[in-house]
C-alpha atoms as a PDB file:
ATOM      1  CA  MET A   1     113.287 119.935  85.764  1.00  0.00           C
ATOM      2  CA  ALA A   2     110.723 117.677  84.355  1.00  0.00           C
ATOM      3  CA  THR A   3     109.366 117.993  80.819  1.00  0.00           C
ATOM      4  CA  THR A   4     105.790 117.530  79.491  1.00  0.00           C
ATOM      5  CA  PHE A   5     105.456 115.809  76.475  1.00  0.00           C
ATOM      6  CA  LEU A   6     102.091 115.600  74.284  1.00  0.00           C
ATOM      7  CA  LEU A   7     100.727 112.669  72.225  1.00  0.00           C
ATOM      8  CA  ALA A   8      99.951 115.399  69.123  1.00  0.00           C
ATOM      9  CA  GLY A   9      98.068 114.876  66.101  1.00  0.00           C
ATOM     10  CA  ALA A  10      99.310 118.378  63.190  1.00  0.00           C
ATOM     11  CA  ALA A  11      95.920 119.189  62.950  1.00  0.00           C
ATOM     12  CA  ASN A  12      94.144 118.335  66.384  1.00  0.00           C
ATOM     13  CA  PRO A  13      94.954 119.319  69.743  1.00  0.00           C
ATOM     14  CA  PRO A  14      96.747 117.214  71.844  1.00  0.00           C
ATOM     15  CA  GLN A  15      94.502 115.072  73.896  1.00  0.00           C
ATOM     16  CA  GLU A  16      97.016 113.979  76.653  1.00  0.00           C
ATOM     17  CA  ARG A  17      99.436 115.084  78.683  1.00  0.00           C
ATOM     18  CA  VAL A  18     102.248 113.402  79.964  1.00  0.00           C
ATOM     19  CA  VAL A  19     104.060 114.435  82.911  1.00  0.00           C
ATOM     20  CA  GLY A  20     107.314 112.998  84.319  1.00  0.00           C
ATOM     21  CA  GLY A  21     110.009 113.539  86.805  1.00  0.00           C
ATOM     22  CA  ASP A  22     109.432 115.682  89.449  1.00  0.00           C
ATOM     23  CA  GLY A  23     106.362 116.987  87.687  1.00  0.00           C
ATOM     24  CA  VAL A  24     108.197 120.783  87.718  1.00  0.00           C
ATOM     25  CA  VAL A  25     107.212 123.032  84.067  1.00  0.00           C
ATOM     26  CA  ALA A  26     108.185 126.439  83.386  1.00  0.00           C
ATOM     27  CA  ALA A  27     104.839 128.222  83.356  1.00  0.00           C
ATOM     28  CA  ARG A  28     103.616 132.047  83.328  1.00  0.00           C
ATOM     29  CA  ILE A  29     100.977 132.810  85.783  1.00  0.00           C
ATOM     30  CA  ALA A  30      99.821 136.884  86.100  1.00  0.00           C
ATOM     31  CA  GLY A  31     102.285 137.096  83.511  1.00  0.00           C
ATOM     32  CA  LEU A  32     105.118 136.605  85.836  1.00  0.00           C
ATOM     33  CA  PRO A  33     107.191 133.199  84.772  1.00  0.00           C
ATOM     34  CA  ALA A  34     106.840 130.303  87.489  1.00  0.00           C
ATOM     35  CA  ARG A  35     107.791 127.091  88.581  1.00  0.00           C
ATOM     36  CA  LEU A  36     104.731 124.792  88.351  1.00  0.00           C
ATOM     37  CA  ARG A  37     104.280 121.663  89.848  1.00  0.00           C
ATOM     38  CA  ILE A  38     101.876 119.153  88.441  1.00  0.00           C
ATOM     39  CA  ASP A  39     100.643 117.189  91.079  1.00  0.00           C
ATOM     40  CA  PRO A  40      98.469 114.381  91.495  1.00  0.00           C
ATOM     41  CA  ALA A  41      97.457 115.463  94.970  1.00  0.00           C
ATOM     42  CA  THR A  42      96.711 118.774  94.250  1.00  0.00           C
ATOM     43  CA  PRO A  43      93.496 120.871  93.941  1.00  0.00           C
ATOM     44  CA  ALA A  44      92.577 121.530  90.156  1.00  0.00           C
ATOM     45  CA  MET A  45      92.551 125.627  91.350  1.00  0.00           C
ATOM     46  CA  PRO A  46      96.067 126.530  91.406  1.00  0.00           C
ATOM     47  CA  LEU A  47      97.618 127.185  94.465  1.00  0.00           C
ATOM     48  CA  ILE A  48     100.362 129.779  93.609  1.00  0.00           C
ATOM     49  CA  ASP A  49     102.973 131.155  96.763  1.00  0.00           C
ATOM     50  CA  GLN A  50     101.981 134.553  98.345  1.00  0.00           C
ATOM     51  CA  ALA A  51     105.769 135.838  97.125  1.00  0.00           C
ATOM     52  CA  LEU A  52     103.939 135.556  93.831  1.00  0.00           C
ATOM     53  CA  ALA A  53     100.863 136.777  94.513  1.00  0.00           C
ATOM     54  CA  GLU A  54     102.709 139.939  95.762  1.00  0.00           C
ATOM     55  CA  ARG A  55     104.729 140.432  92.595  1.00  0.00           C
ATOM     56  CA  ALA A  56     101.364 139.992  90.563  1.00  0.00           C
ATOM     57  CA  LYS A  57     100.199 142.670  92.725  1.00  0.00           C
ATOM     58  CA  LEU A  58      96.757 139.996  93.160  1.00  0.00           C
ATOM     59  CA  LYS A  59      93.955 140.586  95.416  1.00  0.00           C
ATOM     60  CA  MET A  60      90.754 139.393  96.167  1.00  0.00           C
ATOM     61  CA  GLU A  61      88.300 140.840  93.601  1.00  0.00           C
ATOM     62  CA  GLY A  62      86.184 143.302  94.928  1.00  0.00           C
ATOM     63  CA  SER A  63      83.214 142.989  97.555  1.00  0.00           C
ATOM     64  CA  TRP A  64      81.686 139.305  96.582  1.00  0.00           C
ATOM     65  CA  GLY A  65      85.476 137.739  95.762  1.00  0.00           C
ATOM     66  CA  ILE A  66      85.494 133.744  96.190  1.00  0.00           C
ATOM     67  CA  GLY A  67      87.615 132.657  99.274  1.00  0.00           C
ATOM     68  CA  ILE A  68      88.132 128.882  99.464  1.00  0.00           C
ATOM     69  CA  GLY A  69      89.473 127.211 102.767  1.00  0.00           C
ATOM     70  CA  TYR A  70      91.574 123.389 102.843  1.00  0.00           C
ATOM     71  CA  LEU A  71      91.030 121.681 106.083  1.00  0.00           C
ATOM     72  CA  VAL A  72      94.314 119.697 106.427  1.00  0.00           C
ATOM     73  CA  GLY A  73      94.186 117.634 110.101  1.00  0.00           C
ATOM     74  CA  GLY A  74      92.249 119.906 112.005  1.00  0.00           C
ATOM     75  CA  ILE A  75      93.875 123.193 110.522  1.00  0.00           C
ATOM     76  CA  THR A  76      91.888 125.404 108.145  1.00  0.00           C
ATOM     77  CA  ILE A  77      93.948 127.186 105.388  1.00  0.00           C
ATOM     78  CA  ASN A  78      92.341 130.084 103.804  1.00  0.00           C
ATOM     79  CA  THR A  79      93.327 131.033 100.447  1.00  0.00           C
ATOM     80  CA  ARG A  80      92.417 134.691  98.706  1.00  0.00           C
ATOM     81  CA  THR A  81      91.512 134.051  95.033  1.00  0.00           C
ATOM     82  CA  GLN A  82      91.381 135.884  91.894  1.00  0.00           C
ATOM     83  CA  THR A  83      90.952 134.948  87.976  1.00  0.00           C
ATOM     84  CA  VAL A  84      94.288 135.802  86.242  1.00  0.00           C
ATOM     85  CA  PRO A  85      95.872 134.446  82.628  1.00  0.00           C
ATOM     86  CA  VAL A  86      97.918 131.293  83.209  1.00  0.00           C
ATOM     87  CA  GLU A  87     100.217 129.613  80.479  1.00  0.00           C
ATOM     88  CA  TRP A  88     100.763 125.866  81.606  1.00  0.00           C
ATOM     89  CA  GLY A  89     103.739 125.550  80.166  1.00  0.00           C
ATOM     90  CA  THR A  90     105.061 123.615  77.062  1.00  0.00           C
ATOM     91  CA  GLY A  91     103.005 121.312  75.521  1.00  0.00           C
ATOM     92  CA  SER A  92      99.781 123.358  76.960  1.00  0.00           C
ATOM     93  CA  GLY A  93      97.545 122.885  73.689  1.00  0.00           C
ATOM     94  CA  MET A  94      97.195 126.608  74.079  1.00  0.00           C
ATOM     95  CA  ASN A  95      99.535 127.508  71.176  1.00  0.00           C
ATOM     96  CA  GLY A  96     101.252 130.319  73.067  1.00  0.00           C
ATOM     97  CA  LYS A  97      98.098 131.665  73.999  1.00  0.00           C
ATOM     98  CA  ALA A  98      96.904 132.286  77.907  1.00  0.00           C
ATOM     99  CA  GLY A  99      93.847 130.969  79.619  1.00  0.00           C
ATOM    100  CA  LYS A 100      92.003 133.077  82.304  1.00  0.00           C
ATOM    101  CA  ARG A 101      91.915 130.785  85.683  1.00  0.00           C
ATOM    102  CA  ARG A 102      90.797 131.577  89.458  1.00  0.00           C
ATOM    103  CA  VAL A 103      94.168 131.127  91.617  1.00  0.00           C
ATOM    104  CA  GLY A 104      94.642 130.922  95.274  1.00  0.00           C
ATOM    105  CA  TRP A 105      96.712 131.662  97.668  1.00  0.00           C
ATOM    106  CA  ALA A 106      97.950 131.517 101.338  1.00  0.00           C
ATOM    107  CA  THR A 107     100.131 132.656 103.917  1.00  0.00           C
ATOM    108  CA  ARG A 108     101.667 129.156 103.755  1.00  0.00           C
ATOM    109  CA  PRO A 109     102.896 127.784 100.281  1.00  0.00           C
ATOM    110  CA  PHE A 110     100.996 124.180  99.132  1.00  0.00           C
ATOM    111  CA  ALA A 111     104.429 122.298  98.347  1.00  0.00           C
ATOM    112  CA  ALA A 112     107.740 124.205 100.107  1.00  0.00           C
ATOM    113  CA  GLY A 113     110.234 125.052  96.993  1.00  0.00           C
ATOM    114  CA  MET A 114     107.268 125.985  94.177  1.00  0.00           C
ATOM    115  CA  ASP A 115     106.016 128.772  92.961  1.00  0.00           C
ATOM    116  CA  ALA A 116     102.780 127.338  92.080  1.00  0.00           C
ATOM    117  CA  SER A 117     101.174 123.598  92.096  1.00  0.00           C
ATOM    118  CA  VAL A 118      98.191 122.288  90.595  1.00  0.00           C
ATOM    119  CA  GLY A 119      96.127 119.059  90.075  1.00  0.00           C
ATOM    120  CA  PRO A 120      95.343 117.255  86.947  1.00  0.00           C
ATOM    121  CA  GLY A 121      91.906 118.586  87.059  1.00  0.00           C
ATOM    122  CA  ALA A 122      92.869 122.095  85.323  1.00  0.00           C
ATOM    123  CA  MET A 123      94.785 120.658  82.858  1.00  0.00           C
ATOM    124  CA  PRO A 124      92.948 121.566  79.111  1.00  0.00           C
ATOM    125  CA  GLU A 125      93.722 117.624  78.010  1.00  0.00           C
ATOM    126  CA  PRO A 126      91.424 115.763  78.638  1.00  0.00           C
ATOM    127  CA  ILE A 127      93.961 112.748  79.502  1.00  0.00           C
ATOM    128  CA  VAL A 128      96.979 113.680  82.252  1.00  0.00           C
ATOM    129  CA  ARG A 129      99.244 110.456  82.527  1.00  0.00           C
ATOM    130  CA  PHE A 130     102.052 110.808  85.371  1.00  0.00           C
ATOM    131  CA  GLN A 131     104.679 108.913  83.696  1.00  0.00           C
ATOM    132  CA  LEU A 132     106.276 107.803  87.348  1.00  0.00           C
ATOM    133  CA  ARG A 133     108.957 105.641  85.409  1.00  0.00           C
ATOM    134  CA  ALA A 134     109.630 103.266  82.571  1.00  0.00           C
ATOM    135  CA  PRO A 135     106.765 100.381  82.298  1.00  0.00           C
ATOM    136  CA  ARG A 136     107.954  97.139  83.272  1.00  0.00           C
ATOM    137  CA  PRO A 137     107.207  93.590  82.060  1.00  0.00           C
ATOM    138  CA  GLY A 138     104.531  91.826  83.955  1.00  0.00           C
ATOM    139  CA  GLU A 139     102.977  95.041  85.034  1.00  0.00           C
ATOM    140  CA  THR A 140      99.101  95.401  85.549  1.00  0.00           C
ATOM    141  CA  THR A 141      96.827  98.066  85.604  1.00  0.00           C
ATOM    142  CA  THR A 142      94.080  98.388  88.018  1.00  0.00           C
ATOM    143  CA  THR A 143      91.170 101.377  86.943  1.00  0.00           C
ATOM    144  CA  PHE A 144      89.204 103.176  89.599  1.00  0.00           C
ATOM    145  CA  LYS A 145      86.200 105.591  90.017  1.00  0.00           C
ATOM    146  CA  THR A 146      87.221 109.310  90.811  1.00  0.00           C
ATOM    147  CA  LEU A 147      85.946 111.087  93.462  1.00  0.00           C
ATOM    148  CA  HIS A 148      85.451 114.931  94.115  1.00  0.00           C
ATOM    149  CA  ASP A 149      84.907 117.209  97.136  1.00  0.00           C
ATOM    150  CA  THR A 150      81.774 118.732  96.230  1.00  0.00           C
ATOM    151  CA  GLY A 151      79.588 121.455  97.662  1.00  0.00           C
ATOM    152  CA  LEU A 152      76.302 123.585  97.103  1.00  0.00           C
ATOM    153  CA  PHE A 153      75.500 122.876  93.698  1.00  0.00           C
ATOM    154  CA  GLY A 154      78.492 120.667  93.063  1.00  0.00           C
ATOM    155  CA  MET A 155      80.662 124.112  92.744  1.00  0.00           C
ATOM    156  CA  PHE A 156      83.833 122.457  94.893  1.00  0.00           C
ATOM    157  CA  GLY A 157      84.518 119.930  92.315  1.00  0.00           C
ATOM    158  CA  ASN A 158      86.399 122.540  90.544  1.00  0.00           C
ATOM    159  CA  PHE A 159      88.742 123.235  93.407  1.00  0.00           C
ATOM    160  CA  SER A 160      89.436 120.184  95.051  1.00  0.00           C
ATOM    161  CA  ALA A 161      91.869 117.433  94.200  1.00  0.00           C
ATOM    162  CA  THR A 162      90.553 114.588  92.510  1.00  0.00           C
ATOM    163  CA  PHE A 163      90.687 110.670  94.271  1.00  0.00           C
ATOM    164  CA  ALA A 164      90.041 107.641  93.291  1.00  0.00           C
ATOM    165  CA  GLU A 165      87.450 105.410  95.099  1.00  0.00           C
ATOM    166  CA  ILE A 166      88.429 101.848  96.644  1.00  0.00           C
ATOM    167  CA  MET A 167      86.262  99.653  99.453  1.00  0.00           C
ATOM    168  CA  VAL A 168      87.122  99.285 102.576  1.00  0.00           C
ATOM    169  CA  GLY A 169      84.907  97.335 104.815  1.00  0.00           C
ATOM    170  CA  GLY A 170      82.198  97.552 102.407  1.00  0.00           C
ATOM    171  CA  ALA A 171      81.920 101.299 102.452  1.00  0.00           C
ATOM    172  CA  PRO A 172      83.875 103.599 100.059  1.00  0.00           C
ATOM    173  CA  MET A 173      87.193 105.601 101.309  1.00  0.00           C
ATOM    174  CA  ARG A 174      88.528 108.348  99.370  1.00  0.00           C
ATOM    175  CA  LEU A 175      92.317 107.151  97.724  1.00  0.00           C
ATOM    176  CA  ARG A 176      94.952 109.633  97.061  1.00  0.00           C
ATOM    177  CA  PHE A 177      97.838 109.562  94.890  1.00  0.00           C
ATOM    178  CA  ASP A 178     100.825 111.752  96.618  1.00  0.00           C
ATOM    179  CA  PRO A 179     103.918 110.201  94.841  1.00  0.00           C
ATOM    180  CA  TYR A 180     105.979 113.656  96.264  1.00  0.00           C
ATOM    181  CA  HIS A 181     105.463 112.690  99.878  1.00  0.00           C
ATOM    182  CA  ALA A 182     107.686 109.837 100.803  1.00  0.00           C
ATOM    183  CA  ARG A 183     105.344 107.739 103.297  1.00  0.00           C
ATOM    184  CA  THR A 184     101.897 106.545 102.689  1.00  0.00           C
ATOM    185  CA  LEU A 185      99.264 107.945 104.970  1.00  0.00           C
ATOM    186  CA  ALA A 186      95.712 107.438 106.446  1.00  0.00           C
ATOM    187  CA  THR A 187      93.505 109.978 108.029  1.00  0.00           C
ATOM    188  CA  ALA A 188      92.032 108.779 111.522  1.00  0.00           C
ATOM    189  CA  GLY A 189      88.959 107.746 110.481  1.00  0.00           C
ATOM    190  CA  ALA A 190      90.235 106.034 107.447  1.00  0.00           C
ATOM    191  CA  ALA A 191      92.871 104.190 110.118  1.00  0.00           C
ATOM    192  CA  VAL A 192      90.322 103.303 112.327  1.00  0.00           C
ATOM    193  CA  ARG A 193      88.112 101.719 109.362  1.00  0.00           C
ATOM    194  CA  LEU A 194      91.524  99.935 107.856  1.00  0.00           C
ATOM    195  CA  ALA A 195      91.866  98.302 111.421  1.00  0.00           C
ATOM    196  CA  SER A 196      88.579  96.903 111.520  1.00  0.00           C
ATOM    197  CA  ALA A 197      88.292  95.143 107.667  1.00  0.00           C
ATOM    198  CA  GLN A 198      92.170  94.288 107.454  1.00  0.00           C
ATOM    199  CA  GLY A 199      93.019  93.599 110.833  1.00  0.00           C
ATOM    200  CA  GLY A 200      95.412  96.644 111.903  1.00  0.00           C
ATOM    201  CA  THR A 201      97.242  96.902 114.908  1.00  0.00           C
ATOM    202  CA  LEU A 202      99.658 100.247 115.939  1.00  0.00           C
ATOM    203  CA  SER A 203     103.200 100.435 117.165  1.00  0.00           C
ATOM    204  CA  GLY A 204     106.058 102.898 117.493  1.00  0.00           C
ATOM    205  CA  ASP A 205     106.410 106.492 118.848  1.00  0.00           C
ATOM    206  CA  ALA A 206     104.310 109.347 117.069  1.00  0.00           C
ATOM    207  CA  VAL A 207     106.546 111.283 114.306  1.00  0.00           C
ATOM    208  CA  PRO A 208     105.713 114.832 113.612  1.00  0.00           C
ATOM    209  CA  THR A 209     105.071 114.800 109.606  1.00  0.00           C
ATOM    210  CA  GLU A 210     104.273 116.953 106.859  1.00  0.00           C
ATOM    211  CA  ILE A 211     100.829 116.857 104.880  1.00  0.00           C
ATOM    212  CA  PHE A 212     100.171 119.778 102.592  1.00  0.00           C
ATOM    213  CA  PHE A 213     100.647 123.777 103.151  1.00  0.00           C
ATOM    214  CA  GLY A 214     103.379 123.031 105.793  1.00  0.00           C
ATOM    215  CA  VAL A 215     101.170 121.767 108.416  1.00  0.00           C
ATOM    216  CA  GLU A 216     102.219 118.608 110.448  1.00  0.00           C
ATOM    217  CA  ARG A 217     100.490 115.941 112.342  1.00  0.00           C
ATOM    218  CA  PRO A 218     101.411 113.237 114.504  1.00  0.00           C
ATOM    219  CA  VAL A 219     102.134 109.884 112.602  1.00  0.00           C
ATOM    220  CA  ARG A 220     102.364 106.614 114.122  1.00  0.00           C
ATOM    221  CA  THR A 221     103.037 103.000 112.100  1.00  0.00           C
ATOM    222  CA  MET A 222     100.111 100.631 111.151  1.00  0.00           C
ATOM    223  CA  MET A 223     100.654  96.730 110.225  1.00  0.00           C
ATOM    224  CA  LEU A 224      97.538  95.222 108.680  1.00  0.00           C
ATOM    225  CA  ALA A 225      97.614  91.588 109.207  1.00  0.00           C
ATOM    226  CA  ARG A 226      95.148  91.229 106.047  1.00  0.00           C
ATOM    227  CA  PRO A 227      97.167  93.153 103.670  1.00  0.00           C
ATOM    228  CA  LEU A 228      94.880  95.575 101.805  1.00  0.00           C
ATOM    229  CA  ALA A 229      95.157  95.058  97.723  1.00  0.00           C
ATOM    230  CA  LEU A 230      94.670  97.840  94.928  1.00  0.00           C
ATOM    231  CA  GLY A 231      95.884  96.081  91.757  1.00  0.00           C
ATOM    232  CA  ALA A 232      99.505  94.751  92.133  1.00  0.00           C
ATOM    233  CA  LEU A 233     100.179  96.905  95.349  1.00  0.00           C
ATOM    234  CA  SER A 234      99.676  95.118  98.626  1.00  0.00           C
ATOM    235  CA  ILE A 235      99.439  97.446 101.051  1.00  0.00           C
ATOM    236  CA  ALA A 236     100.838  96.009 104.518  1.00  0.00           C
ATOM    237  CA  THR A 237     102.360  98.746 106.376  1.00  0.00           C
ATOM    238  CA  LEU A 238     101.305 102.417 106.358  1.00  0.00           C
ATOM    239  CA  GLY A 239     101.506 105.412 108.543  1.00  0.00           C
ATOM    240  CA  VAL A 240      98.436 107.088 110.739  1.00  0.00           C
ATOM    241  CA  ARG A 241      97.485 110.514 111.408  1.00  0.00           C
ATOM    242  CA  ILE A 242      96.277 109.466 114.987  1.00  0.00           C
ATOM    243  CA  ARG A 243      94.639 113.267 115.878  1.00  0.00           C
ATOM    244  CA  ASP A 244      92.648 114.485 112.943  1.00  0.00           C
ATOM    245  CA  GLU A 245      89.066 114.759 112.388  1.00  0.00           C
ATOM    246  CA  GLY A 246      88.516 111.698 114.596  1.00  0.00           C
ATOM    247  CA  ARG A 247      90.808 109.842 116.843  1.00  0.00           C
ATOM    248  CA  THR A 248      92.600 106.418 116.530  1.00  0.00           C
ATOM    249  CA  THR A 249      92.243 104.996 120.334  1.00  0.00           C
ATOM    250  CA  SER A 250      90.032 102.027 119.295  1.00  0.00           C
ATOM    251  CA  ILE A 251      93.190 100.626 117.141  1.00  0.00           C
ATOM    252  CA  ARG A 252      94.715  97.756 119.097  1.00  0.00           C
ATOM    253  CA  GLU A 253      98.393  98.572 119.704  1.00  0.00           C
ATOM    254  CA  ALA A 254     100.890  95.894 118.688  1.00  0.00           C
ATOM    255  CA  GLY A 255     101.309  92.816 120.750  1.00  0.00           C
ATOM    256  CA  ALA A 256      98.365  93.604 123.397  1.00  0.00           C
ATOM    257  CA  PRO A 257      95.553  90.996 123.804  1.00  0.00           C
ATOM    258  CA  ILE A 258      92.769  91.818 121.142  1.00  0.00           C
ATOM    259  CA  ASP A 259      89.677  93.757 122.659  1.00  0.00           C
ATOM    260  CA  PRO A 260      86.614  91.398 122.824  1.00  0.00           C
ATOM    261  CA  VAL A 261      84.535  94.917 121.893  1.00  0.00           C
ATOM    262  CA  ASP A 262      83.074  94.128 118.359  1.00  0.00           C
ATOM    263  CA  PRO A 263      84.420  96.119 115.530  1.00  0.00           C
ATOM    264  CA  ASP A 264      81.253  96.627 113.339  1.00  0.00           C
ATOM    265  CA  GLU A 265      80.489  99.236 116.837  1.00  0.00           C
ATOM    266  CA  ILE A 266      83.608 101.164 116.515  1.00  0.00           C
ATOM    267  CA  VAL A 267      82.623 104.811 115.991  1.00  0.00           C
ATOM    268  CA  VAL A 268      84.969 107.617 114.933  1.00  0.00           C
ATOM    269  CA  THR A 269      83.294 111.526 115.760  1.00  0.00           C
ATOM    270  CA  ALA A 270      84.679 114.282 114.216  1.00  0.00           C
ATOM    271  CA  LYS A 271      84.895 117.327 116.791  1.00  0.00           C
ATOM    272  CA  ASP A 272      81.276 118.244 116.159  1.00  0.00           C
ATOM    273  CA  GLY A 273      80.074 114.485 117.304  1.00  0.00           C
ATOM    274  CA  LYS A 274      78.793 113.628 113.815  1.00  0.00           C
ATOM    275  CA  ARG A 275      80.835 111.014 111.566  1.00  0.00           C
ATOM    276  CA  ASP A 276      81.654 111.883 108.153  1.00  0.00           C
ATOM    277  CA  MET A 277      83.256 109.415 106.226  1.00  0.00           C
ATOM    278  CA  ARG A 278      84.107 112.093 103.252  1.00  0.00           C
ATOM    279  CA  ARG A 279      87.317 112.784 105.138  1.00  0.00           C
ATOM    280  CA  ASP A 280      88.574 109.741 105.167  1.00  0.00           C
ATOM    281  CA  THR A 281      91.331 109.177 102.850  1.00  0.00           C
ATOM    282  CA  LEU A 282      94.241 107.067 102.361  1.00  0.00           C
ATOM    283  CA  SER A 283      97.250 108.777 100.313  1.00  0.00           C
ATOM    284  CA  LEU A 284      99.585 106.796  98.674  1.00  0.00           C
ATOM    285  CA  GLY A 285     103.222 107.680  98.862  1.00  0.00           C
ATOM    286  CA  ALA A 286     106.377 107.420  97.352  1.00  0.00           C
ATOM    287  CA  ASP A 287     106.999 103.928  99.289  1.00  0.00           C
ATOM    288  CA  TYR A 288     104.373 102.279  97.238  1.00  0.00           C
ATOM    289  CA  LEU A 289     103.837 104.399  93.884  1.00  0.00           C
ATOM    290  CA  GLY A 290     107.840 103.738  93.364  1.00  0.00           C
ATOM    291  CA  ARG A 291     106.488 100.156  92.245  1.00  0.00           C
ATOM    292  CA  CYS A 292     104.242 101.830  89.613  1.00  0.00           C
ATOM    293  CA  SER A 293     105.147 102.859  86.211  1.00  0.00           C
ATOM    294  CA  SER A 294     102.103 105.388  85.699  1.00  0.00           C
ATOM    295  CA  ILE A 295      98.734 107.107  87.016  1.00  0.00           C
ATOM    296  CA  VAL A 296      96.153 108.154  84.307  1.00  0.00           C
ATOM    297  CA  PHE A 297      93.446 110.354  85.247  1.00  0.00           C
ATOM    298  CA  ASP A 298      90.768 110.151  82.271  1.00  0.00           C
ATOM    299  CA  LYS A 299      88.434 112.778  82.549  1.00  0.00           C
ATOM    300  CA  PRO A 300      86.149 112.027  80.462  1.00  0.00           C
ATOM    301  CA  ALA A 301      85.733 108.473  81.456  1.00  0.00           C
ATOM    302  CA  LYS A 302      85.641 109.809  84.950  1.00  0.00           C
ATOM    303  CA  VAL A 303      88.266 107.174  85.854  1.00  0.00           C
ATOM    304  CA  ILE A 304      92.002 106.891  87.105  1.00  0.00           C
ATOM    305  CA  ARG A 305      94.329 103.647  85.787  1.00  0.00           C
ATOM    306  CA  LEU A 306      97.140 103.270  88.101  1.00  0.00           C
ATOM    307  CA  THR A 307      99.929 100.819  86.573  1.00  0.00           C
ATOM    308  CA  CYS A 308     102.228  98.488  89.008  1.00  0.00           C
ATOM    309  CA  GLY A 309     104.213  95.324  89.014  1.00  0.00           C
END
């Protein structure tokens, strides 16, 4: 089990939380002990296992209770929510006192084997550092602007994951940091844009791959003729979720002749016929993040710093 450390002063509240190892801390949720994973890919609303919700006797609050739905590969996972006391584990900066936080639960756990998962946006410290391994000589740090899902009045930013913004083909794309999944993956829409901008081709059979909440999607391999540069990382091979909110049929197969169609005319549509680029997401998995020593979420500066070698 990992331990969280704090850069603390004697009198001032801690400004940085450092999360190491597997990200798991001993927390308390609604008065019950819980194995909580602090995960950069998780929404800011703590997502707890239904068994923990049942032990705590949680239920949707009143007739105006809030339910939040998360879309994973075209499947909507609906959560029930309630505001409960939460202690964030050792070094939370709360001096042993529980704060109130809205938590959500569904019939599917967000991450198997965890009582709860939560993203850095929920942490009380303004800076959250994920220490993936010890720093090495020659590393470089790349700074990204942060992005959040937002809805009416921006309220859903409080329940979404925190993304980095990258540019692909002259337009922004969401970048998720997902160190607890083995493989780097692109959603269907993101894959089409990457293929057009970086010369991508598909190969191999589709393999069922777990995303979140136990939802599996068929994934194929894409090679980029022009690797995507993300600071010190050079993304040349990745997985592609071939059937999501969009389709990848326009991506050329490896070894096939080049299609004369202008790639700028490629359009990916969602099931309702409308193109929504906000769903285009590249998720960096452990295959590339294993080359990095840290991911730092600096909430006041609204940036994410990735240090790799």
